[in-house]
């Protein structure tokens, strides 16, 4: 299954009653995306709250939920592990990729992102509503794919042995420490040996670029199945865009560093940091 679905194809699935839709909108500036969801959303869509469906045992933002927590949350949304799930966000392609990655982490296979997000849906003349539907709760069985995620300890080991290609989705200025981090209490710079791949280089018109263009980009970064790949960013959201693009280009084994710079860059840690390009 491809990572994205066209608006007209989603509309047909909606007409056939063959899809579960999630609004996965999130914004770093704290915009109340749930309120915007209530104002207008794709008919039948439920709201997936990245900050609520997360590991709250850590102060780090929106860390991946446990399998049990995820199963309980999406089960209440009426979603089972066999459902076809389509996710969108209001930016085109931003946080929806993180929700897609979370479903993949839990072993869900029939999951896609709406190409172009809510803007493309509306531009195509398809309806939106302010009516929030009441789902029928069901049971969700997870199949946790631990190989899709990497923690700080394992990443430190990978950096010491230089056995992984680390791709950082943050803007280049933040990577090179010429712009400050948007979160307080974080140092500037990047991980030793990491490469800057701002997520915007993989996106065009609110969707992933065509596969052949993605393959050219990844080839220029030395991506191959011979070397493990780690994706990272500020807090694990836009890293998922790289992970999703890698999956689309046929590289399905990338690991996402969930803590990302929100963890690595903390002032109280002695994690190594490189300043400059």
C-alpha atoms as a PDB file:
ATOM      1  CA  UNK A   1       0.000   0.000   0.000  1.00  0.00           C
ATOM      2  CA  UNK A   2       1.329   3.438  -0.925  1.00  0.00           C
ATOM      3  CA  UNK A   3       1.726   6.002   1.848  1.00  0.00           C
ATOM      4  CA  UNK A   4      -0.714   8.506   0.322  1.00  0.00           C
ATOM      5  CA  UNK A   5      -4.229   8.493  -1.080  1.00  0.00           C
ATOM      6  CA  UNK A   6      -5.801  11.003  -3.469  1.00  0.00           C
ATOM      7  CA  UNK A   7      -8.828  13.034  -2.295  1.00  0.00           C
ATOM      8  CA  UNK A   8     -11.123  11.517  -4.939  1.00  0.00           C
ATOM      9  CA  UNK A   9     -10.140   8.005  -3.886  1.00  0.00           C
ATOM     10  CA  UNK A  10     -10.823   8.819  -0.239  1.00  0.00           C
ATOM     11  CA  UNK A  11     -14.220  10.248  -1.215  1.00  0.00           C
ATOM     12  CA  UNK A  12     -15.131   6.921  -2.835  1.00  0.00           C
ATOM     13  CA  UNK A  13     -14.077   5.015   0.287  1.00  0.00           C
ATOM     14  CA  UNK A  14     -16.235   7.361   2.366  1.00  0.00           C
ATOM     15  CA  UNK A  15     -19.225   6.718   0.099  1.00  0.00           C
ATOM     16  CA  UNK A  16     -18.624   2.970   0.429  1.00  0.00           C
ATOM     17  CA  UNK A  17     -18.244   3.152   4.213  1.00  0.00           C
ATOM     18  CA  UNK A  18     -14.850   1.451   3.854  1.00  0.00           C
ATOM     19  CA  UNK A  19     -12.522   3.782   5.737  1.00  0.00           C
ATOM     20  CA  UNK A  20     -11.814   5.327   9.139  1.00  0.00           C
ATOM     21  CA  UNK A  21     -10.587   8.928   8.945  1.00  0.00           C
ATOM     22  CA  UNK A  22      -8.455  10.782  11.478  1.00  0.00           C
ATOM     23  CA  UNK A  23      -7.642  14.469  11.732  1.00  0.00           C
ATOM     24  CA  UNK A  24      -4.057  14.379  13.006  1.00  0.00           C
ATOM     25  CA  UNK A  25      -3.448  18.122  13.007  1.00  0.00           C
ATOM     26  CA  UNK A  26      -0.879  19.530  15.439  1.00  0.00           C
ATOM     27  CA  UNK A  27       1.104  22.766  15.578  1.00  0.00           C
ATOM     28  CA  UNK A  28       4.271  23.733  17.430  1.00  0.00           C
ATOM     29  CA  UNK A  29       2.862  27.170  18.267  1.00  0.00           C
ATOM     30  CA  UNK A  30       0.087  25.667  20.383  1.00  0.00           C
ATOM     31  CA  UNK A  31      -2.803  26.393  18.009  1.00  0.00           C
ATOM     32  CA  UNK A  32      -5.907  24.619  19.321  1.00  0.00           C
ATOM     33  CA  UNK A  33      -6.304  22.089  16.545  1.00  0.00           C
ATOM     34  CA  UNK A  34      -9.119  20.273  18.329  1.00  0.00           C
ATOM     35  CA  UNK A  35     -11.172  23.484  18.237  1.00  0.00           C
ATOM     36  CA  UNK A  36     -10.452  23.842  14.520  1.00  0.00           C
ATOM     37  CA  UNK A  37     -11.463  20.209  14.044  1.00  0.00           C
ATOM     38  CA  UNK A  38     -14.798  20.922  15.741  1.00  0.00           C
ATOM     39  CA  UNK A  39     -15.317  23.894  13.421  1.00  0.00           C
ATOM     40  CA  UNK A  40     -14.802  21.883  10.239  1.00  0.00           C
ATOM     41  CA  UNK A  41     -13.474  18.473   9.324  1.00  0.00           C
ATOM     42  CA  UNK A  42     -13.984  15.693   6.812  1.00  0.00           C
ATOM     43  CA  UNK A  43     -17.322  13.975   7.555  1.00  0.00           C
ATOM     44  CA  UNK A  44     -16.866  11.016   9.871  1.00  0.00           C
ATOM     45  CA  UNK A  45     -13.348  11.987  10.924  1.00  0.00           C
ATOM     46  CA  UNK A  46     -12.213  11.589  14.530  1.00  0.00           C
ATOM     47  CA  UNK A  47      -9.538  13.777  16.110  1.00  0.00           C
ATOM     48  CA  UNK A  48      -6.202  12.122  16.938  1.00  0.00           C
ATOM     49  CA  UNK A  49      -4.532  14.200  19.668  1.00  0.00           C
ATOM     50  CA  UNK A  50      -0.759  13.706  19.447  1.00  0.00           C
ATOM     51  CA  UNK A  51      -0.195  15.233  22.861  1.00  0.00           C
ATOM     52  CA  UNK A  52      -2.910  13.188  24.588  1.00  0.00           C
ATOM     53  CA  UNK A  53      -2.213   9.817  22.980  1.00  0.00           C
ATOM     54  CA  UNK A  54       1.371   9.794  24.216  1.00  0.00           C
ATOM     55  CA  UNK A  55       3.663   8.530  26.958  1.00  0.00           C
ATOM     56  CA  UNK A  56       3.006  10.827  29.916  1.00  0.00           C
ATOM     57  CA  UNK A  57       5.618   9.178  32.155  1.00  0.00           C
ATOM     58  CA  UNK A  58       8.221  11.469  30.579  1.00  0.00           C
ATOM     59  CA  UNK A  59       8.284  15.276  30.295  1.00  0.00           C
ATOM     60  CA  UNK A  60       9.344  14.977  26.665  1.00  0.00           C
ATOM     61  CA  UNK A  61       6.637  16.062  24.188  1.00  0.00           C
ATOM     62  CA  UNK A  62       4.290  13.569  22.500  1.00  0.00           C
ATOM     63  CA  UNK A  63       6.486  10.507  22.953  1.00  0.00           C
ATOM     64  CA  UNK A  64       5.058   7.325  21.438  1.00  0.00           C
ATOM     65  CA  UNK A  65       2.276   5.763  23.514  1.00  0.00           C
ATOM     66  CA  UNK A  66       2.490   2.250  24.881  1.00  0.00           C
ATOM     67  CA  UNK A  67       0.691  -0.427  22.851  1.00  0.00           C
ATOM     68  CA  UNK A  68      -1.997  -0.684  25.530  1.00  0.00           C
ATOM     69  CA  UNK A  69      -2.570   3.075  25.613  1.00  0.00           C
ATOM     70  CA  UNK A  70      -2.717   3.268  21.826  1.00  0.00           C
ATOM     71  CA  UNK A  71      -5.112   0.318  21.594  1.00  0.00           C
ATOM     72  CA  UNK A  72      -7.453   1.834  24.172  1.00  0.00           C
ATOM     73  CA  UNK A  73      -7.464   5.247  22.467  1.00  0.00           C
ATOM     74  CA  UNK A  74      -8.071   4.133  18.891  1.00  0.00           C
ATOM     75  CA  UNK A  75     -10.477   1.422  20.006  1.00  0.00           C
ATOM     76  CA  UNK A  76     -12.621   4.162  21.532  1.00  0.00           C
ATOM     77  CA  UNK A  77     -12.548   5.835  18.107  1.00  0.00           C
ATOM     78  CA  UNK A  78     -14.093   2.716  16.610  1.00  0.00           C
ATOM     79  CA  UNK A  79     -10.904   1.610  14.854  1.00  0.00           C
ATOM     80  CA  UNK A  80      -9.692  -1.982  14.679  1.00  0.00           C
ATOM     81  CA  UNK A  81      -6.342  -3.277  13.453  1.00  0.00           C
ATOM     82  CA  UNK A  82      -7.913  -4.458  10.175  1.00  0.00           C
ATOM     83  CA  UNK A  83      -9.515  -1.141   9.234  1.00  0.00           C
ATOM     84  CA  UNK A  84      -8.315   1.045   6.392  1.00  0.00           C
ATOM     85  CA  UNK A  85      -7.218   4.250   8.150  1.00  0.00           C
ATOM     86  CA  UNK A  86      -6.605   7.574   6.405  1.00  0.00           C
ATOM     87  CA  UNK A  87      -5.034  10.512   8.232  1.00  0.00           C
ATOM     88  CA  UNK A  88      -4.903  14.165   7.264  1.00  0.00           C
ATOM     89  CA  UNK A  89      -3.832  17.470   8.751  1.00  0.00           C
ATOM     90  CA  UNK A  90      -4.587  21.114   8.058  1.00  0.00           C
ATOM     91  CA  UNK A  91      -1.113  22.022   6.834  1.00  0.00           C
ATOM     92  CA  UNK A  92      -1.071  19.603   3.880  1.00  0.00           C
ATOM     93  CA  UNK A  93       1.617  17.256   5.143  1.00  0.00           C
ATOM     94  CA  UNK A  94       2.977  17.860   8.613  1.00  0.00           C
ATOM     95  CA  UNK A  95       1.774  16.063  11.736  1.00  0.00           C
ATOM     96  CA  UNK A  96      -0.290  13.519   9.782  1.00  0.00           C
ATOM     97  CA  UNK A  97       2.988  11.759   9.022  1.00  0.00           C
ATOM     98  CA  UNK A  98       3.628  11.325  12.754  1.00  0.00           C
ATOM     99  CA  UNK A  99       0.199   9.709  13.214  1.00  0.00           C
ATOM    100  CA  UNK A 100       0.904   7.477  10.189  1.00  0.00           C
ATOM    101  CA  UNK A 101       4.230   6.454  11.754  1.00  0.00           C
ATOM    102  CA  UNK A 102       2.531   5.730  15.102  1.00  0.00           C
ATOM    103  CA  UNK A 103       0.061   3.381  13.415  1.00  0.00           C
ATOM    104  CA  UNK A 104       2.949   1.677  11.610  1.00  0.00           C
ATOM    105  CA  UNK A 105       4.765   1.369  14.955  1.00  0.00           C
ATOM    106  CA  UNK A 106       1.745  -0.510  16.281  1.00  0.00           C
ATOM    107  CA  UNK A 107       1.753  -2.910  13.330  1.00  0.00           C
ATOM    108  CA  UNK A 108      -1.094  -1.334  11.352  1.00  0.00           C
ATOM    109  CA  UNK A 109      -0.634  -1.976   7.631  1.00  0.00           C
ATOM    110  CA  UNK A 110      -3.679  -0.400   5.964  1.00  0.00           C
ATOM    111  CA  UNK A 111      -2.853   3.197   6.820  1.00  0.00           C
ATOM    112  CA  UNK A 112      -2.379   6.156   4.480  1.00  0.00           C
ATOM    113  CA  UNK A 113      -2.117   9.934   4.548  1.00  0.00           C
ATOM    114  CA  UNK A 114      -4.446  12.098   2.471  1.00  0.00           C
ATOM    115  CA  UNK A 115      -2.378  13.659  -0.293  1.00  0.00           C
ATOM    116  CA  UNK A 116      -2.462  17.418   0.217  1.00  0.00           C
ATOM    117  CA  UNK A 117      -4.379  17.144   3.476  1.00  0.00           C
ATOM    118  CA  UNK A 118      -7.513  19.107   4.263  1.00  0.00           C
ATOM    119  CA  UNK A 119      -6.569  21.941   1.826  1.00  0.00           C
ATOM    120  CA  UNK A 120      -6.551  19.488  -1.109  1.00  0.00           C
ATOM    121  CA  UNK A 121      -9.820  17.918   0.050  1.00  0.00           C
ATOM    122  CA  UNK A 122     -11.544  21.293   0.108  1.00  0.00           C
ATOM    123  CA  UNK A 123      -9.918  22.434  -3.136  1.00  0.00           C
ATOM    124  CA  UNK A 124     -11.431  19.345  -4.776  1.00  0.00           C
ATOM    125  CA  UNK A 125     -14.900  20.467  -3.739  1.00  0.00           C
ATOM    126  CA  UNK A 126     -15.427  17.681  -1.220  1.00  0.00           C
ATOM    127  CA  UNK A 127     -17.559  18.392   1.861  1.00  0.00           C
ATOM    128  CA  UNK A 128     -16.586  19.337   5.400  1.00  0.00           C
ATOM    129  CA  UNK A 129     -18.788  19.437   8.464  1.00  0.00           C
ATOM    130  CA  UNK A 130     -18.902  20.682  12.047  1.00  0.00           C
ATOM    131  CA  UNK A 131     -20.888  17.643  13.153  1.00  0.00           C
ATOM    132  CA  UNK A 132     -18.797  15.323  15.343  1.00  0.00           C
ATOM    133  CA  UNK A 133     -19.839  11.720  14.821  1.00  0.00           C
ATOM    134  CA  UNK A 134     -20.086   9.261  17.706  1.00  0.00           C
ATOM    135  CA  UNK A 135     -18.048   6.142  16.916  1.00  0.00           C
ATOM    136  CA  UNK A 136     -18.926   2.672  18.130  1.00  0.00           C
ATOM    137  CA  UNK A 137     -16.022   1.532  20.346  1.00  0.00           C
ATOM    138  CA  UNK A 138     -14.232  -1.643  19.343  1.00  0.00           C
ATOM    139  CA  UNK A 139     -11.170  -3.673  20.264  1.00  0.00           C
ATOM    140  CA  UNK A 140      -7.779  -2.928  18.715  1.00  0.00           C
ATOM    141  CA  UNK A 141      -4.984  -5.526  18.752  1.00  0.00           C
ATOM    142  CA  UNK A 142      -1.505  -4.037  18.426  1.00  0.00           C
ATOM    143  CA  UNK A 143       1.590  -5.674  16.971  1.00  0.00           C
ATOM    144  CA  UNK A 144       4.351  -3.443  18.315  1.00  0.00           C
ATOM    145  CA  UNK A 145       7.185  -3.092  15.767  1.00  0.00           C
ATOM    146  CA  UNK A 146      10.041  -2.121  18.086  1.00  0.00           C
ATOM    147  CA  UNK A 147      12.466  -2.009  15.153  1.00  0.00           C
ATOM    148  CA  UNK A 148      10.760   1.202  13.963  1.00  0.00           C
ATOM    149  CA  UNK A 149      11.952   3.248  16.932  1.00  0.00           C
ATOM    150  CA  UNK A 150      15.296   3.982  18.619  1.00  0.00           C
ATOM    151  CA  UNK A 151      16.048   5.378  22.071  1.00  0.00           C
ATOM    152  CA  UNK A 152      18.830   7.688  23.169  1.00  0.00           C
ATOM    153  CA  UNK A 153      21.047   4.922  24.523  1.00  0.00           C
ATOM    154  CA  UNK A 154      20.984   2.911  21.317  1.00  0.00           C
ATOM    155  CA  UNK A 155      21.490   6.055  19.258  1.00  0.00           C
ATOM    156  CA  UNK A 156      24.555   6.997  21.299  1.00  0.00           C
ATOM    157  CA  UNK A 157      25.992   3.566  20.583  1.00  0.00           C
ATOM    158  CA  UNK A 158      25.216   3.920  16.866  1.00  0.00           C
ATOM    159  CA  UNK A 159      26.991   7.294  16.774  1.00  0.00           C
ATOM    160  CA  UNK A 160      30.080   5.892  18.502  1.00  0.00           C
ATOM    161  CA  UNK A 161      30.364   3.069  15.978  1.00  0.00           C
ATOM    162  CA  UNK A 162      29.294   5.232  13.015  1.00  0.00           C
ATOM    163  CA  UNK A 163      27.088   2.436  11.747  1.00  0.00           C
ATOM    164  CA  UNK A 164      23.932   4.452  10.957  1.00  0.00           C
ATOM    165  CA  UNK A 165      22.926   7.249   8.608  1.00  0.00           C
ATOM    166  CA  UNK A 166      21.186   9.902  10.726  1.00  0.00           C
ATOM    167  CA  UNK A 167      18.868  12.280   8.843  1.00  0.00           C
ATOM    168  CA  UNK A 168      17.735  15.437  10.664  1.00  0.00           C
ATOM    169  CA  UNK A 169      14.468  17.027   9.455  1.00  0.00           C
ATOM    170  CA  UNK A 170      14.890  20.357  11.262  1.00  0.00           C
ATOM    171  CA  UNK A 171      15.471  23.553   9.266  1.00  0.00           C
ATOM    172  CA  UNK A 172      19.101  23.886   8.182  1.00  0.00           C
ATOM    173  CA  UNK A 173      19.626  27.001  10.306  1.00  0.00           C
ATOM    174  CA  UNK A 174      18.730  25.099  13.466  1.00  0.00           C
ATOM    175  CA  UNK A 175      20.909  22.166  12.414  1.00  0.00           C
ATOM    176  CA  UNK A 176      23.859  24.513  11.884  1.00  0.00           C
ATOM    177  CA  UNK A 177      23.115  26.442  15.121  1.00  0.00           C
ATOM    178  CA  UNK A 178      22.601  29.761  13.325  1.00  0.00           C
ATOM    179  CA  UNK A 179      18.987  29.878  14.545  1.00  0.00           C
ATOM    180  CA  UNK A 180      17.805  29.099  18.083  1.00  0.00           C
ATOM    181  CA  UNK A 181      15.647  26.149  19.035  1.00  0.00           C
ATOM    182  CA  UNK A 182      11.965  27.091  19.489  1.00  0.00           C
ATOM    183  CA  UNK A 183      11.759  25.201  22.790  1.00  0.00           C
ATOM    184  CA  UNK A 184      13.357  26.682  25.908  1.00  0.00           C
ATOM    185  CA  UNK A 185      16.214  24.894  27.642  1.00  0.00           C
ATOM    186  CA  UNK A 186      17.772  23.363  24.527  1.00  0.00           C
ATOM    187  CA  UNK A 187      21.278  23.770  23.161  1.00  0.00           C
ATOM    188  CA  UNK A 188      21.858  24.491  19.480  1.00  0.00           C
ATOM    189  CA  UNK A 189      23.613  22.277  16.966  1.00  0.00           C
ATOM    190  CA  UNK A 190      23.322  18.703  15.757  1.00  0.00           C
ATOM    191  CA  UNK A 191      24.381  15.138  16.535  1.00  0.00           C
ATOM    192  CA  UNK A 192      27.839  14.026  15.437  1.00  0.00           C
ATOM    193  CA  UNK A 193      27.736  12.428  11.999  1.00  0.00           C
ATOM    194  CA  UNK A 194      24.149  13.446  11.267  1.00  0.00           C
ATOM    195  CA  UNK A 195      23.059  14.951   7.951  1.00  0.00           C
ATOM    196  CA  UNK A 196      20.680  17.857   7.470  1.00  0.00           C
ATOM    197  CA  UNK A 197      17.616  16.934   5.398  1.00  0.00           C
ATOM    198  CA  UNK A 198      14.941  19.579   6.059  1.00  0.00           C
ATOM    199  CA  UNK A 199      11.568  17.899   5.628  1.00  0.00           C
ATOM    200  CA  UNK A 200      10.457  20.582   3.163  1.00  0.00           C
ATOM    201  CA  UNK A 201      12.885  19.170   0.601  1.00  0.00           C
ATOM    202  CA  UNK A 202      10.710  16.057   0.432  1.00  0.00           C
ATOM    203  CA  UNK A 203       7.390  17.888   0.131  1.00  0.00           C
ATOM    204  CA  UNK A 204       5.697  19.737  -2.716  1.00  0.00           C
ATOM    205  CA  UNK A 205       2.190  21.250  -2.649  1.00  0.00           C
ATOM    206  CA  UNK A 206       1.408  19.703   0.714  1.00  0.00           C
ATOM    207  CA  UNK A 207       2.331  16.137  -0.271  1.00  0.00           C
ATOM    208  CA  UNK A 208       5.363  13.934  -0.721  1.00  0.00           C
ATOM    209  CA  UNK A 209       7.244  14.470  -3.946  1.00  0.00           C
ATOM    210  CA  UNK A 210       6.939  11.700  -6.571  1.00  0.00           C
ATOM    211  CA  UNK A 211       8.819   8.504  -5.770  1.00  0.00           C
ATOM    212  CA  UNK A 212      11.442   9.017  -8.480  1.00  0.00           C
ATOM    213  CA  UNK A 213      12.305  12.438  -7.054  1.00  0.00           C
ATOM    214  CA  UNK A 214      12.498  11.025  -3.541  1.00  0.00           C
ATOM    215  CA  UNK A 215      14.828   8.277  -4.754  1.00  0.00           C
ATOM    216  CA  UNK A 216      17.160  10.868  -6.307  1.00  0.00           C
ATOM    217  CA  UNK A 217      17.224  12.889  -3.089  1.00  0.00           C
ATOM    218  CA  UNK A 218      17.897   9.867  -0.898  1.00  0.00           C
ATOM    219  CA  UNK A 219      20.595   8.585  -3.254  1.00  0.00           C
ATOM    220  CA  UNK A 220      22.381  11.934  -2.886  1.00  0.00           C
ATOM    221  CA  UNK A 221      22.411  11.398   0.882  1.00  0.00           C
ATOM    222  CA  UNK A 222      23.850   7.908   0.590  1.00  0.00           C
ATOM    223  CA  UNK A 223      20.675   6.108   1.572  1.00  0.00           C
ATOM    224  CA  UNK A 224      20.847   2.368   0.954  1.00  0.00           C
ATOM    225  CA  UNK A 225      19.648  -0.807   2.579  1.00  0.00           C
ATOM    226  CA  UNK A 226      23.256  -1.587   3.501  1.00  0.00           C
ATOM    227  CA  UNK A 227      23.346   0.977   6.323  1.00  0.00           C
ATOM    228  CA  UNK A 228      20.722   1.475   9.043  1.00  0.00           C
ATOM    229  CA  UNK A 229      18.841   4.772   8.840  1.00  0.00           C
ATOM    230  CA  UNK A 230      17.725   6.923  11.768  1.00  0.00           C
ATOM    231  CA  UNK A 231      15.379   9.885  11.390  1.00  0.00           C
ATOM    232  CA  UNK A 232      15.247  12.744  13.880  1.00  0.00           C
ATOM    233  CA  UNK A 233      13.969  16.322  14.206  1.00  0.00           C
ATOM    234  CA  UNK A 234      12.885  18.659  17.003  1.00  0.00           C
ATOM    235  CA  UNK A 235      10.418  16.388  18.793  1.00  0.00           C
ATOM    236  CA  UNK A 236       9.703  13.424  16.535  1.00  0.00           C
ATOM    237  CA  UNK A 237       7.015  14.986  14.322  1.00  0.00           C
ATOM    238  CA  UNK A 238       8.775  16.009  11.108  1.00  0.00           C
ATOM    239  CA  UNK A 239      11.221  13.099  11.435  1.00  0.00           C
ATOM    240  CA  UNK A 240       8.161  11.034  10.549  1.00  0.00           C
ATOM    241  CA  UNK A 241       7.941  12.869   7.221  1.00  0.00           C
ATOM    242  CA  UNK A 242      11.410  11.561   6.363  1.00  0.00           C
ATOM    243  CA  UNK A 243      10.400   8.098   7.595  1.00  0.00           C
ATOM    244  CA  UNK A 244       7.252   8.212   5.466  1.00  0.00           C
ATOM    245  CA  UNK A 245       9.195   9.385   2.402  1.00  0.00           C
ATOM    246  CA  UNK A 246      11.761   6.620   2.919  1.00  0.00           C
ATOM    247  CA  UNK A 247       8.934   4.075   3.119  1.00  0.00           C
ATOM    248  CA  UNK A 248       7.425   5.467  -0.086  1.00  0.00           C
ATOM    249  CA  UNK A 249      10.808   5.106  -1.789  1.00  0.00           C
ATOM    250  CA  UNK A 250      11.132   1.484  -0.687  1.00  0.00           C
ATOM    251  CA  UNK A 251      13.296   1.891   2.414  1.00  0.00           C
ATOM    252  CA  UNK A 252      11.006   0.412   5.042  1.00  0.00           C
ATOM    253  CA  UNK A 253      13.379  -0.242   7.956  1.00  0.00           C
ATOM    254  CA  UNK A 254      14.245   3.283   9.130  1.00  0.00           C
ATOM    255  CA  UNK A 255      14.140   3.904  12.875  1.00  0.00           C
ATOM    256  CA  UNK A 256      12.753   7.144  14.286  1.00  0.00           C
ATOM    257  CA  UNK A 257      14.504   8.710  17.287  1.00  0.00           C
ATOM    258  CA  UNK A 258      11.442   9.534  19.355  1.00  0.00           C
ATOM    259  CA  UNK A 259      13.078  11.923  21.821  1.00  0.00           C
ATOM    260  CA  UNK A 260      14.778  13.825  18.989  1.00  0.00           C
ATOM    261  CA  UNK A 261      16.349  17.198  19.781  1.00  0.00           C
ATOM    262  CA  UNK A 262      13.895  17.822  22.640  1.00  0.00           C
ATOM    263  CA  UNK A 263      15.834  15.080  24.441  1.00  0.00           C
ATOM    264  CA  UNK A 264      19.316  15.149  22.894  1.00  0.00           C
ATOM    265  CA  UNK A 265      19.699  18.922  23.099  1.00  0.00           C
ATOM    266  CA  UNK A 266      18.723  19.330  26.759  1.00  0.00           C
ATOM    267  CA  UNK A 267      21.053  21.644  28.658  1.00  0.00           C
ATOM    268  CA  UNK A 268      21.384  19.141  31.512  1.00  0.00           C
ATOM    269  CA  UNK A 269      22.658  16.282  29.322  1.00  0.00           C
ATOM    270  CA  UNK A 270      26.244  15.613  28.266  1.00  0.00           C
ATOM    271  CA  UNK A 271      25.261  14.329  24.833  1.00  0.00           C
ATOM    272  CA  UNK A 272      27.801  15.437  22.211  1.00  0.00           C
ATOM    273  CA  UNK A 273      26.803  18.302  19.935  1.00  0.00           C
ATOM    274  CA  UNK A 274      28.389  19.697  16.792  1.00  0.00           C
ATOM    275  CA  UNK A 275      28.165  23.445  16.145  1.00  0.00           C
ATOM    276  CA  UNK A 276      28.129  24.666  12.550  1.00  0.00           C
ATOM    277  CA  UNK A 277      27.591  22.831   9.242  1.00  0.00           C
END
